[in-house]
Amino acid sequence: MSKVPWNSEELAKLTQLTEKYRQNKQNVNWDKVAAQIQSRTASQCKSYYANILKKQLHVEIRQNHMWNYIEILALWTYSVIYKQDFAMIHASFMPKFTLKQLTSQYQQILRNQKQIIKTFNLLNTDPSHIEQLSNNDFKLHLKILLMSSKRQKLIDTRILNRQDEKNDKYPIDFSEIAALKAFFGDLDVEKLLQIYKTENGRRKLEEEFEVPDVDVNFRK
């Protein structure tokens, strides 16, 4: 039976049952999967999923992937630290993305960078423009700015308190801070955040720009 091609019904069942009987991120109860497919053994189900179907599903996911601000921050950071060595970035840090995706998104970041900085500088000189901003790219990069500010404050606190790095949830990475500064240049971050926390901007900040703790493993 191992040489008989999988038909569409079997593939649909395999996809569904794999998720149903997934015990954790790495392990699936293949005996239960095979028991419901019947025409295949547990070994055949595991082998086909690992070698063929899983790759097909991941390609489909990658092709339709919408980048979020944490991923964009990660890509920019790694590109600065490792001097645009996207093959290494892909292999070591962001394997779920293709090389083409990484390079394309990096070029998009560069295209947006000048306009983003121009917008931030405009706000620093004329805060009244805050209510006119609705562009998604601006929102995306404001999230990055907010997150970078939070990250910087965590690092400043750690340095002042001299906490034990081994027990710290947020290890210091000065390369990351350098990468953030390379993107935002000489922007007055604190001034911009204060502008956005004015009476008119506070509601927007609370509703639209929730910023998570910066504890992200981009290798996953």
N, C-alpha and C. Protein backbone atom coordinates (compact mmCIF):
# COMPACT_ATOMS: atom_id res chain seq x y z
N MET A 1 0.82 -1.21 0.00
CA MET A 1 0.00 0.00 0.00
C MET A 1 0.86 1.26 0.00
N SER A 2 2.11 1.13 0.40
CA SER A 2 2.95 2.31 0.56
C SER A 2 3.22 3.03 -0.76
N LYS A 3 3.16 2.29 -1.88
CA LYS A 3 3.45 2.89 -3.18
C LYS A 3 2.19 3.42 -3.87
N VAL A 4 1.04 3.19 -3.27
CA VAL A 4 -0.21 3.68 -3.85
C VAL A 4 -0.35 5.17 -3.53
N PRO A 5 -0.56 6.01 -4.54
CA PRO A 5 -0.67 7.46 -4.29
C PRO A 5 -1.81 7.79 -3.34
N TRP A 6 -1.62 8.82 -2.58
CA TRP A 6 -2.68 9.28 -1.68
C TRP A 6 -3.75 9.99 -2.49
N ASN A 7 -5.02 9.68 -2.23
CA ASN A 7 -6.10 10.37 -2.93
C ASN A 7 -6.56 11.58 -2.11
N SER A 8 -7.43 12.38 -2.70
CA SER A 8 -7.85 13.63 -2.07
C SER A 8 -8.59 13.40 -0.76
N GLU A 9 -9.36 12.32 -0.68
CA GLU A 9 -10.09 12.02 0.55
C GLU A 9 -9.12 11.68 1.69
N GLU A 10 -8.11 10.90 1.36
CA GLU A 10 -7.10 10.53 2.37
C GLU A 10 -6.34 11.77 2.85
N LEU A 11 -5.99 12.64 1.92
CA LEU A 11 -5.25 13.85 2.28
C LEU A 11 -6.07 14.77 3.18
N ALA A 12 -7.35 14.88 2.87
CA ALA A 12 -8.23 15.71 3.69
C ALA A 12 -8.32 15.15 5.11
N LYS A 13 -8.47 13.83 5.20
CA LYS A 13 -8.53 13.18 6.51
C LYS A 13 -7.22 13.35 7.27
N LEU A 14 -6.10 13.17 6.56
CA LEU A 14 -4.79 13.27 7.21
C LEU A 14 -4.58 14.66 7.80
N THR A 15 -4.93 15.67 7.04
CA THR A 15 -4.79 17.05 7.51
C THR A 15 -5.63 17.30 8.76
N GLN A 16 -6.89 16.86 8.70
CA GLN A 16 -7.82 17.08 9.82
C GLN A 16 -7.42 16.28 11.05
N LEU A 17 -7.10 15.00 10.86
CA LEU A 17 -6.80 14.12 11.98
C LEU A 17 -5.46 14.45 12.64
N THR A 18 -4.52 14.95 11.85
CA THR A 18 -3.22 15.33 12.42
C THR A 18 -3.40 16.41 13.47
N GLU A 19 -4.24 17.40 13.18
CA GLU A 19 -4.49 18.46 14.15
C GLU A 19 -5.33 17.95 15.32
N LYS A 20 -6.27 17.05 15.03
CA LYS A 20 -7.15 16.51 16.08
C LYS A 20 -6.36 15.73 17.13
N TYR A 21 -5.38 14.95 16.66
CA TYR A 21 -4.63 14.09 17.57
C TYR A 21 -3.22 14.61 17.86
N ARG A 22 -3.03 15.90 17.67
CA ARG A 22 -1.74 16.50 17.99
C ARG A 22 -1.64 16.65 19.51
N GLN A 23 -0.62 16.04 20.09
CA GLN A 23 -0.45 16.06 21.54
C GLN A 23 0.28 17.32 22.01
N ASN A 24 1.20 17.79 21.21
CA ASN A 24 1.90 19.04 21.45
C ASN A 24 2.51 19.48 20.12
N LYS A 25 3.38 20.49 20.16
CA LYS A 25 3.92 21.05 18.91
C LYS A 25 4.69 20.02 18.09
N GLN A 26 5.32 19.05 18.76
CA GLN A 26 6.19 18.10 18.07
C GLN A 26 5.56 16.73 17.85
N ASN A 27 4.59 16.35 18.69
CA ASN A 27 4.11 14.96 18.69
C ASN A 27 2.65 14.83 18.29
N VAL A 28 2.38 13.81 17.47
CA VAL A 28 1.03 13.47 17.04
C VAL A 28 0.81 11.99 17.33
N ASN A 29 -0.40 11.63 17.75
CA ASN A 29 -0.72 10.21 17.98
C ASN A 29 -1.06 9.58 16.63
N TRP A 30 -0.05 9.10 15.94
CA TRP A 30 -0.23 8.58 14.58
C TRP A 30 -1.04 7.29 14.55
N ASP A 31 -1.05 6.53 15.63
CA ASP A 31 -1.87 5.31 15.69
C ASP A 31 -3.35 5.65 15.57
N LYS A 32 -3.77 6.70 16.27
CA LYS A 32 -5.17 7.12 16.20
C LYS A 32 -5.51 7.69 14.82
N VAL A 33 -4.55 8.41 14.24
CA VAL A 33 -4.76 8.95 12.89
C VAL A 33 -4.97 7.80 11.90
N ALA A 34 -4.09 6.81 11.94
CA ALA A 34 -4.16 5.67 11.01
C ALA A 34 -5.42 4.85 11.23
N ALA A 35 -5.86 4.76 12.47
CA ALA A 35 -7.06 3.96 12.77
C ALA A 35 -8.29 4.52 12.07
N GLN A 36 -8.33 5.82 11.86
CA GLN A 36 -9.49 6.43 11.21
C GLN A 36 -9.33 6.52 9.70
N ILE A 37 -8.08 6.54 9.23
CA ILE A 37 -7.87 6.51 7.77
C ILE A 37 -7.99 5.09 7.25
N GLN A 38 -7.52 4.12 8.03
CA GLN A 38 -7.64 2.68 7.78
C GLN A 38 -6.80 2.17 6.61
N SER A 39 -6.78 2.91 5.53
CA SER A 39 -6.04 2.44 4.35
C SER A 39 -4.54 2.68 4.48
N ARG A 40 -4.10 3.34 5.55
CA ARG A 40 -2.68 3.66 5.74
C ARG A 40 -2.23 3.27 7.15
N THR A 41 -0.96 2.94 7.29
CA THR A 41 -0.40 2.64 8.60
C THR A 41 0.02 3.93 9.29
N ALA A 42 0.29 3.82 10.59
CA ALA A 42 0.74 4.98 11.35
C ALA A 42 2.04 5.52 10.78
N SER A 43 2.94 4.62 10.40
CA SER A 43 4.22 5.02 9.85
C SER A 43 4.05 5.77 8.53
N GLN A 44 3.13 5.28 7.68
CA GLN A 44 2.88 5.94 6.40
C GLN A 44 2.28 7.33 6.60
N CYS A 45 1.37 7.45 7.54
CA CYS A 45 0.75 8.75 7.81
C CYS A 45 1.79 9.76 8.29
N LYS A 46 2.62 9.33 9.21
CA LYS A 46 3.66 10.20 9.75
C LYS A 46 4.64 10.62 8.67
N SER A 47 5.07 9.65 7.86
CA SER A 47 6.06 9.93 6.82
C SER A 47 5.51 10.88 5.77
N TYR A 48 4.30 10.64 5.32
CA TYR A 48 3.72 11.48 4.27
C TYR A 48 3.51 12.90 4.78
N TYR A 49 3.00 13.02 6.01
CA TYR A 49 2.76 14.35 6.55
C TYR A 49 4.07 15.12 6.72
N ALA A 50 5.08 14.46 7.26
CA ALA A 50 6.35 15.13 7.54
C ALA A 50 7.10 15.52 6.27
N ASN A 51 7.05 14.65 5.26
CA ASN A 51 7.88 14.85 4.07
C ASN A 51 7.20 15.61 2.95
N ILE A 52 5.89 15.60 2.91
CA ILE A 52 5.19 16.20 1.77
C ILE A 52 4.11 17.19 2.19
N LEU A 53 3.11 16.70 2.91
CA LEU A 53 1.94 17.53 3.19
C LEU A 53 2.29 18.74 4.05
N LYS A 54 3.11 18.53 5.07
CA LYS A 54 3.48 19.63 5.96
C LYS A 54 4.17 20.75 5.19
N LYS A 55 5.06 20.38 4.27
CA LYS A 55 5.76 21.38 3.46
C LYS A 55 4.79 22.14 2.56
N GLN A 56 3.83 21.41 1.97
CA GLN A 56 2.85 22.05 1.10
C GLN A 56 2.01 23.06 1.88
N LEU A 57 1.59 22.67 3.08
CA LEU A 57 0.78 23.55 3.91
C LEU A 57 1.56 24.79 4.31
N HIS A 58 2.83 24.61 4.66
CA HIS A 58 3.66 25.74 5.08
C HIS A 58 3.91 26.71 3.93
N VAL A 59 4.10 26.19 2.73
CA VAL A 59 4.29 27.05 1.57
C VAL A 59 3.06 27.90 1.34
N GLU A 60 1.88 27.27 1.46
CA GLU A 60 0.63 28.00 1.26
C GLU A 60 0.48 29.10 2.31
N ILE A 61 0.83 28.77 3.57
CA ILE A 61 0.74 29.76 4.64
C ILE A 61 1.70 30.92 4.38
N ARG A 62 2.93 30.59 3.98
CA ARG A 62 3.92 31.64 3.75
C ARG A 62 3.51 32.57 2.61
N GLN A 63 2.94 31.99 1.56
CA GLN A 63 2.58 32.80 0.40
C GLN A 63 1.49 33.81 0.74
N ASN A 64 0.63 33.47 1.70
CA ASN A 64 -0.48 34.35 2.07
C ASN A 64 -0.23 35.09 3.38
N HIS A 65 1.00 35.08 3.84
CA HIS A 65 1.30 35.63 5.16
C HIS A 65 1.22 37.16 5.16
N MET A 66 0.55 37.69 6.17
CA MET A 66 0.51 39.13 6.39
C MET A 66 1.49 39.46 7.52
N TRP A 67 2.49 40.27 7.21
CA TRP A 67 3.53 40.59 8.19
C TRP A 67 2.96 41.43 9.32
N ASN A 68 3.26 41.07 10.57
CA ASN A 68 2.88 41.91 11.68
C ASN A 68 4.08 42.74 12.14
N TYR A 69 3.83 43.67 13.05
CA TYR A 69 4.88 44.63 13.40
C TYR A 69 6.04 43.98 14.15
N ILE A 70 5.78 42.89 14.89
CA ILE A 70 6.87 42.20 15.59
C ILE A 70 7.80 41.55 14.58
N GLU A 71 7.23 40.94 13.55
CA GLU A 71 8.05 40.29 12.51
C GLU A 71 8.86 41.31 11.73
N ILE A 72 8.25 42.46 11.44
CA ILE A 72 8.96 43.51 10.72
C ILE A 72 10.12 44.03 11.57
N LEU A 73 9.86 44.22 12.86
CA LEU A 73 10.92 44.66 13.77
C LEU A 73 12.05 43.63 13.79
N ALA A 74 11.70 42.36 13.84
CA ALA A 74 12.72 41.30 13.86
C ALA A 74 13.56 41.32 12.59
N LEU A 75 12.89 41.41 11.44
CA LEU A 75 13.62 41.39 10.17
C LEU A 75 14.57 42.58 10.08
N TRP A 76 14.09 43.75 10.44
CA TRP A 76 14.97 44.93 10.38
C TRP A 76 16.15 44.77 11.32
N THR A 77 15.89 44.29 12.53
CA THR A 77 16.96 44.11 13.51
C THR A 77 18.03 43.16 12.99
N TYR A 78 17.61 41.99 12.52
CA TYR A 78 18.58 41.01 12.02
C TYR A 78 19.31 41.53 10.78
N SER A 79 18.62 42.28 9.94
CA SER A 79 19.26 42.77 8.72
C SER A 79 20.36 43.78 9.04
N VAL A 80 20.17 44.56 10.11
CA VAL A 80 21.21 45.50 10.54
C VAL A 80 22.37 44.77 11.19
N ILE A 81 22.04 43.86 12.10
CA ILE A 81 23.09 43.14 12.84
C ILE A 81 23.93 42.27 11.91
N TYR A 82 23.27 41.58 10.97
CA TYR A 82 23.98 40.62 10.11
C TYR A 82 24.18 41.12 8.68
N LYS A 83 24.05 42.43 8.51
CA LYS A 83 24.40 43.09 7.24
C LYS A 83 23.72 42.45 6.03
N GLN A 84 22.42 42.29 6.14
CA GLN A 84 21.57 41.79 5.05
C GLN A 84 21.96 40.39 4.55
N ASP A 85 22.50 39.58 5.42
CA ASP A 85 22.78 38.18 5.05
C ASP A 85 21.49 37.39 5.25
N PHE A 86 20.59 37.49 4.26
CA PHE A 86 19.26 36.91 4.42
C PHE A 86 19.27 35.39 4.44
N ALA A 87 20.25 34.77 3.81
CA ALA A 87 20.35 33.31 3.86
C ALA A 87 20.59 32.86 5.30
N MET A 88 21.46 33.56 6.01
CA MET A 88 21.74 33.22 7.39
C MET A 88 20.56 33.57 8.30
N ILE A 89 19.93 34.71 8.02
CA ILE A 89 18.76 35.11 8.81
C ILE A 89 17.64 34.09 8.66
N HIS A 90 17.45 33.63 7.43
CA HIS A 90 16.43 32.61 7.17
C HIS A 90 16.75 31.31 7.91
N ALA A 91 17.98 30.86 7.82
CA ALA A 91 18.37 29.57 8.40
C ALA A 91 18.38 29.60 9.92
N SER A 92 18.80 30.72 10.50
CA SER A 92 19.03 30.75 11.95
C SER A 92 17.92 31.40 12.76
N PHE A 93 17.18 32.34 12.16
CA PHE A 93 16.23 33.11 12.96
C PHE A 93 14.79 33.09 12.44
N MET A 94 14.60 33.10 11.13
CA MET A 94 13.25 33.22 10.59
C MET A 94 12.98 32.16 9.53
N PRO A 95 13.08 30.88 9.88
CA PRO A 95 12.95 29.81 8.89
C PRO A 95 11.56 29.64 8.31
N LYS A 96 10.54 30.20 8.95
CA LYS A 96 9.19 30.03 8.42
C LYS A 96 8.94 30.92 7.20
N PHE A 97 9.88 31.84 6.92
CA PHE A 97 9.76 32.69 5.74
C PHE A 97 10.73 32.22 4.66
N THR A 98 10.34 32.41 3.41
CA THR A 98 11.25 32.09 2.31
C THR A 98 12.26 33.23 2.16
N LEU A 99 13.35 32.94 1.46
CA LEU A 99 14.34 34.00 1.19
C LEU A 99 13.71 35.14 0.41
N LYS A 100 12.86 34.79 -0.54
CA LYS A 100 12.20 35.82 -1.35
C LYS A 100 11.33 36.72 -0.48
N GLN A 101 10.62 36.12 0.47
CA GLN A 101 9.79 36.92 1.37
C GLN A 101 10.62 37.88 2.21
N LEU A 102 11.73 37.38 2.72
CA LEU A 102 12.59 38.22 3.56
C LEU A 102 13.16 39.39 2.79
N THR A 103 13.67 39.13 1.60
CA THR A 103 14.27 40.21 0.81
C THR A 103 13.21 41.20 0.33
N SER A 104 12.04 40.69 -0.05
CA SER A 104 10.97 41.58 -0.51
C SER A 104 10.48 42.48 0.61
N GLN A 105 10.31 41.90 1.79
CA GLN A 105 9.83 42.70 2.92
C GLN A 105 10.88 43.71 3.35
N TYR A 106 12.15 43.34 3.27
CA TYR A 106 13.22 44.28 3.60
C TYR A 106 13.19 45.48 2.66
N GLN A 107 13.00 45.24 1.38
CA GLN A 107 12.91 46.34 0.42
C GLN A 107 11.70 47.22 0.70
N GLN A 108 10.61 46.60 1.15
CA GLN A 108 9.42 47.37 1.50
C GLN A 108 9.68 48.26 2.71
N ILE A 109 10.42 47.73 3.67
CA ILE A 109 10.79 48.53 4.85
C ILE A 109 11.59 49.75 4.43
N LEU A 110 12.56 49.55 3.54
CA LEU A 110 13.38 50.68 3.07
C LEU A 110 12.53 51.72 2.35
N ARG A 111 11.55 51.26 1.56
CA ARG A 111 10.68 52.20 0.84
C ARG A 111 9.85 53.03 1.82
N ASN A 112 9.43 52.38 2.90
CA ASN A 112 8.57 53.08 3.87
C ASN A 112 9.35 53.97 4.82
N GLN A 113 10.62 53.67 4.99
CA GLN A 113 11.39 54.31 6.06
C GLN A 113 11.38 55.84 5.97
N LYS A 114 11.66 56.39 4.80
CA LYS A 114 11.74 57.85 4.66
C LYS A 114 10.40 58.50 4.98
N GLN A 115 9.32 57.90 4.48
CA GLN A 115 8.01 58.48 4.72
C GLN A 115 7.62 58.38 6.19
N ILE A 116 7.96 57.27 6.82
CA ILE A 116 7.64 57.09 8.24
C ILE A 116 8.36 58.14 9.09
N ILE A 117 9.65 58.31 8.84
CA ILE A 117 10.43 59.28 9.61
C ILE A 117 9.92 60.70 9.35
N LYS A 118 9.56 60.98 8.11
CA LYS A 118 9.01 62.29 7.78
C LYS A 118 7.73 62.55 8.56
N THR A 119 6.88 61.52 8.66
CA THR A 119 5.62 61.66 9.39
C THR A 119 5.87 61.89 10.87
N PHE A 120 6.79 61.11 11.46
CA PHE A 120 7.11 61.29 12.87
C PHE A 120 7.66 62.68 13.15
N ASN A 121 8.53 63.16 12.27
CA ASN A 121 9.11 64.48 12.46
C ASN A 121 8.05 65.57 12.35
N LEU A 122 7.08 65.35 11.48
CA LEU A 122 5.98 66.29 11.34
C LEU A 122 5.19 66.38 12.64
N LEU A 123 4.96 65.24 13.27
CA LEU A 123 4.25 65.24 14.54
C LEU A 123 5.05 65.94 15.63
N ASN A 124 6.35 65.77 15.59
CA ASN A 124 7.18 66.43 16.60
C ASN A 124 7.12 67.94 16.49
N THR A 125 6.94 68.45 15.27
CA THR A 125 6.89 69.90 15.08
C THR A 125 5.46 70.44 15.14
N ASP A 126 4.49 69.60 14.76
CA ASP A 126 3.10 70.06 14.76
C ASP A 126 2.18 68.93 15.22
N PRO A 127 1.95 68.81 16.52
CA PRO A 127 1.14 67.72 17.07
C PRO A 127 -0.30 67.69 16.58
N SER A 128 -0.79 68.79 16.03
CA SER A 128 -2.18 68.84 15.59
C SER A 128 -2.47 67.85 14.47
N HIS A 129 -1.42 67.36 13.81
CA HIS A 129 -1.62 66.41 12.72
C HIS A 129 -2.00 65.02 13.21
N ILE A 130 -1.96 64.79 14.51
CA ILE A 130 -2.18 63.45 15.04
C ILE A 130 -3.55 62.90 14.66
N GLU A 131 -4.57 63.75 14.62
CA GLU A 131 -5.92 63.28 14.33
C GLU A 131 -6.12 62.97 12.85
N GLN A 132 -5.20 63.38 12.01
CA GLN A 132 -5.33 63.16 10.57
C GLN A 132 -4.68 61.86 10.13
N LEU A 133 -4.01 61.19 11.04
CA LEU A 133 -3.24 60.01 10.66
C LEU A 133 -4.07 58.74 10.78
N SER A 134 -4.24 58.06 9.66
CA SER A 134 -4.97 56.80 9.68
C SER A 134 -4.29 55.76 8.81
N ASN A 135 -3.16 56.13 8.21
CA ASN A 135 -2.46 55.22 7.32
C ASN A 135 -1.97 53.98 8.07
N ASN A 136 -2.22 52.79 7.49
CA ASN A 136 -1.86 51.54 8.16
C ASN A 136 -0.35 51.42 8.37
N ASP A 137 0.43 51.90 7.40
CA ASP A 137 1.88 51.83 7.55
C ASP A 137 2.34 52.66 8.74
N PHE A 138 1.71 53.83 8.90
CA PHE A 138 2.07 54.65 10.05
C PHE A 138 1.74 53.94 11.35
N LYS A 139 0.55 53.34 11.40
CA LYS A 139 0.14 52.62 12.61
C LYS A 139 1.10 51.49 12.91
N LEU A 140 1.49 50.78 11.88
CA LEU A 140 2.40 49.65 12.05
C LEU A 140 3.71 50.10 12.67
N HIS A 141 4.28 51.18 12.14
CA HIS A 141 5.57 51.63 12.62
C HIS A 141 5.47 52.37 13.95
N LEU A 142 4.31 52.94 14.23
CA LEU A 142 4.13 53.53 15.55
C LEU A 142 4.12 52.43 16.60
N LYS A 143 3.55 51.29 16.27
CA LYS A 143 3.60 50.15 17.20
C LYS A 143 5.05 49.75 17.46
N ILE A 144 5.84 49.72 16.41
CA ILE A 144 7.26 49.38 16.57
C ILE A 144 7.94 50.42 17.46
N LEU A 145 7.62 51.68 17.24
CA LEU A 145 8.22 52.75 18.03
C LEU A 145 7.82 52.62 19.50
N LEU A 146 6.55 52.35 19.74
CA LEU A 146 6.08 52.18 21.11
C LEU A 146 6.77 51.00 21.77
N MET A 147 6.89 49.90 21.02
CA MET A 147 7.51 48.71 21.56
C MET A 147 8.99 48.94 21.85
N SER A 148 9.66 49.66 20.94
CA SER A 148 11.08 49.92 21.14
C SER A 148 11.30 50.81 22.36
N SER A 149 10.37 51.74 22.59
CA SER A 149 10.48 52.60 23.76
C SER A 149 10.30 51.78 25.03
N LYS A 150 9.34 50.85 25.00
CA LYS A 150 9.12 49.98 26.15
C LYS A 150 10.34 49.11 26.40
N ARG A 151 10.91 48.59 25.32
CA ARG A 151 12.10 47.75 25.42
C ARG A 151 13.26 48.55 26.02
N GLN A 152 13.44 49.78 25.56
CA GLN A 152 14.53 50.62 26.06
C GLN A 152 14.36 50.89 27.55
N LYS A 153 13.13 51.14 27.98
CA LYS A 153 12.89 51.41 29.39
C LYS A 153 13.20 50.18 30.25
N LEU A 154 12.87 49.00 29.75
CA LEU A 154 13.18 47.77 30.47
C LEU A 154 14.69 47.62 30.64
N ILE A 155 15.41 47.91 29.57
CA ILE A 155 16.87 47.80 29.61
C ILE A 155 17.46 48.84 30.57
N ASP A 156 16.95 50.07 30.51
CA ASP A 156 17.44 51.11 31.41
C ASP A 156 17.20 50.72 32.87
N THR A 157 16.03 50.14 33.14
CA THR A 157 15.71 49.71 34.50
C THR A 157 16.65 48.61 34.97
N ARG A 158 16.93 47.68 34.10
CA ARG A 158 17.84 46.58 34.44
C ARG A 158 19.24 47.08 34.75
N ILE A 159 19.69 48.01 33.94
CA ILE A 159 21.04 48.55 34.15
C ILE A 159 21.12 49.27 35.49
N LEU A 160 20.09 50.06 35.80
CA LEU A 160 20.08 50.81 37.05
C LEU A 160 20.01 49.89 38.26
N ASN A 161 19.20 48.84 38.13
CA ASN A 161 19.01 47.92 39.26
C ASN A 161 20.06 46.82 39.31
N ARG A 162 20.86 46.72 38.23
CA ARG A 162 21.91 45.70 38.16
C ARG A 162 21.34 44.30 38.43
N GLN A 163 20.27 43.98 37.73
CA GLN A 163 19.65 42.67 37.92
C GLN A 163 20.53 41.58 37.34
N ASP A 164 20.32 40.35 37.82
CA ASP A 164 21.05 39.19 37.32
C ASP A 164 20.52 38.82 35.95
N GLU A 165 21.37 38.91 34.93
CA GLU A 165 20.93 38.66 33.55
C GLU A 165 20.41 37.25 33.36
N LYS A 166 20.94 36.28 34.09
CA LYS A 166 20.51 34.89 33.91
C LYS A 166 19.06 34.70 34.31
N ASN A 167 18.59 35.50 35.25
CA ASN A 167 17.22 35.37 35.73
C ASN A 167 16.29 36.39 35.10
N ASP A 168 16.79 37.13 34.14
CA ASP A 168 16.00 38.20 33.54
C ASP A 168 15.24 37.69 32.33
N LYS A 169 13.96 38.03 32.29
CA LYS A 169 13.13 37.62 31.16
C LYS A 169 13.51 38.37 29.89
N TYR A 170 14.13 39.53 30.04
CA TYR A 170 14.45 40.37 28.89
C TYR A 170 15.96 40.60 28.83
N PRO A 171 16.72 39.68 28.26
CA PRO A 171 18.18 39.87 28.20
C PRO A 171 18.53 41.10 27.38
N ILE A 172 19.56 41.79 27.79
CA ILE A 172 20.00 42.99 27.07
C ILE A 172 20.57 42.61 25.71
N ASP A 173 20.15 43.30 24.70
CA ASP A 173 20.71 43.10 23.37
C ASP A 173 20.93 44.48 22.77
N PHE A 174 22.13 45.02 22.96
CA PHE A 174 22.41 46.37 22.48
C PHE A 174 22.42 46.44 20.96
N SER A 175 22.65 45.30 20.30
CA SER A 175 22.57 45.28 18.84
C SER A 175 21.16 45.59 18.38
N GLU A 176 20.18 45.09 19.13
CA GLU A 176 18.79 45.37 18.78
C GLU A 176 18.48 46.85 18.92
N ILE A 177 18.95 47.45 20.01
CA ILE A 177 18.73 48.88 20.20
C ILE A 177 19.41 49.68 19.10
N ALA A 178 20.60 49.26 18.70
CA ALA A 178 21.30 49.94 17.61
C ALA A 178 20.50 49.84 16.32
N ALA A 179 19.88 48.70 16.10
CA ALA A 179 19.08 48.52 14.89
C ALA A 179 17.86 49.43 14.91
N LEU A 180 17.23 49.54 16.07
CA LEU A 180 16.07 50.42 16.19
C LEU A 180 16.47 51.87 15.94
N LYS A 181 17.60 52.26 16.49
CA LYS A 181 18.06 53.64 16.28
C LYS A 181 18.44 53.87 14.82
N ALA A 182 18.92 52.82 14.17
CA ALA A 182 19.26 52.95 12.75
C ALA A 182 18.02 53.21 11.91
N PHE A 183 16.90 52.65 12.35
CA PHE A 183 15.66 52.89 11.60
C PHE A 183 15.08 54.27 11.91
N PHE A 184 14.99 54.60 13.18
CA PHE A 184 14.29 55.82 13.56
C PHE A 184 15.19 57.05 13.61
N GLY A 185 16.50 56.85 13.47
CA GLY A 185 17.40 57.98 13.40
C GLY A 185 17.37 58.84 14.65
N ASP A 186 17.24 60.15 14.47
CA ASP A 186 17.30 61.09 15.59
C ASP A 186 15.91 61.49 16.08
N LEU A 187 14.92 60.65 15.87
CA LEU A 187 13.57 60.98 16.30
C LEU A 187 13.52 61.18 17.82
N ASP A 188 12.76 62.17 18.22
CA ASP A 188 12.56 62.41 19.65
C ASP A 188 11.43 61.49 20.11
N VAL A 189 11.79 60.29 20.49
CA VAL A 189 10.80 59.26 20.81
C VAL A 189 9.90 59.69 21.97
N GLU A 190 10.50 60.15 23.05
CA GLU A 190 9.71 60.50 24.22
C GLU A 190 8.73 61.64 23.91
N LYS A 191 9.20 62.60 23.12
CA LYS A 191 8.32 63.72 22.77
C LYS A 191 7.14 63.23 21.95
N LEU A 192 7.40 62.34 21.01
CA LEU A 192 6.32 61.81 20.18
C LEU A 192 5.32 61.03 21.02
N LEU A 193 5.80 60.24 21.95
CA LEU A 193 4.90 59.46 22.80
C LEU A 193 4.05 60.38 23.67
N GLN A 194 4.64 61.47 24.14
CA GLN A 194 3.87 62.42 24.94
C GLN A 194 2.80 63.09 24.09
N ILE A 195 3.15 63.40 22.84
CA ILE A 195 2.17 63.99 21.93
C ILE A 195 0.99 63.05 21.75
N TYR A 196 1.31 61.77 21.59
CA TYR A 196 0.25 60.80 21.32
C TYR A 196 -0.57 60.50 22.57
N LYS A 197 -0.05 60.87 23.74
CA LYS A 197 -0.78 60.62 24.98
C LYS A 197 -1.57 61.85 25.43
N THR A 198 -1.68 62.85 24.56
CA THR A 198 -2.49 64.02 24.89
C THR A 198 -3.95 63.59 24.94
N GLU A 199 -4.80 64.49 25.38
CA GLU A 199 -6.22 64.14 25.55
C GLU A 199 -6.83 63.60 24.27
N ASN A 200 -6.50 64.20 23.13
CA ASN A 200 -7.08 63.76 21.87
C ASN A 200 -6.53 62.42 21.41
N GLY A 201 -5.28 62.12 21.79
CA GLY A 201 -4.66 60.91 21.29
C GLY A 201 -4.71 59.72 22.23
N ARG A 202 -5.04 59.96 23.50
CA ARG A 202 -4.96 58.89 24.49
C ARG A 202 -5.90 57.73 24.15
N ARG A 203 -7.12 58.03 23.76
CA ARG A 203 -8.08 56.97 23.44
C ARG A 203 -7.58 56.12 22.28
N LYS A 204 -7.02 56.77 21.26
CA LYS A 204 -6.46 56.03 20.13
C LYS A 204 -5.33 55.12 20.57
N LEU A 205 -4.49 55.67 21.42
CA LEU A 205 -3.34 54.90 21.89
C LEU A 205 -3.81 53.65 22.61
N GLU A 206 -4.81 53.79 23.47
CA GLU A 206 -5.29 52.66 24.25
C GLU A 206 -6.02 51.64 23.39
N GLU A 207 -6.77 52.10 22.42
CA GLU A 207 -7.60 51.19 21.62
C GLU A 207 -6.84 50.53 20.48
N GLU A 208 -5.92 51.26 19.85
CA GLU A 208 -5.32 50.79 18.62
C GLU A 208 -3.89 50.27 18.77
N PHE A 209 -3.19 50.70 19.80
CA PHE A 209 -1.77 50.39 19.86
C PHE A 209 -1.39 49.68 21.15
N GLU A 210 -2.07 48.57 21.42
CA GLU A 210 -1.69 47.76 22.58
C GLU A 210 -0.32 47.15 22.30
N VAL A 211 0.61 47.36 23.21
CA VAL A 211 1.99 46.92 22.99
C VAL A 211 2.31 45.76 23.93
N PRO A 212 2.71 44.60 23.39
CA PRO A 212 2.99 43.44 24.24
C PRO A 212 4.34 43.55 24.93
N ASP A 213 4.54 42.69 25.93
CA ASP A 213 5.88 42.56 26.49
C ASP A 213 6.80 42.03 25.41
N VAL A 214 8.01 42.54 25.37
CA VAL A 214 8.94 42.15 24.31
C VAL A 214 9.69 40.90 24.74
N ASP A 215 9.06 39.77 24.55
CA ASP A 215 9.67 38.48 24.90
C ASP A 215 9.39 37.52 23.75
N VAL A 216 9.97 37.80 22.60
CA VAL A 216 9.62 37.09 21.37
C VAL A 216 10.78 36.25 20.87
N ASN A 217 10.50 34.99 20.55
CA ASN A 217 11.50 34.11 19.94
C ASN A 217 11.17 33.99 18.47
N PHE A 218 11.93 34.65 17.62
CA PHE A 218 11.62 34.68 16.20
C PHE A 218 12.02 33.40 15.49
N ARG A 219 12.65 32.47 16.20
CA ARG A 219 13.03 31.20 15.57
C ARG A 219 11.84 30.27 15.42
N LYS A 220 10.78 30.51 16.18
CA LYS A 220 9.63 29.62 16.15
C LYS A 220 8.81 29.86 14.90
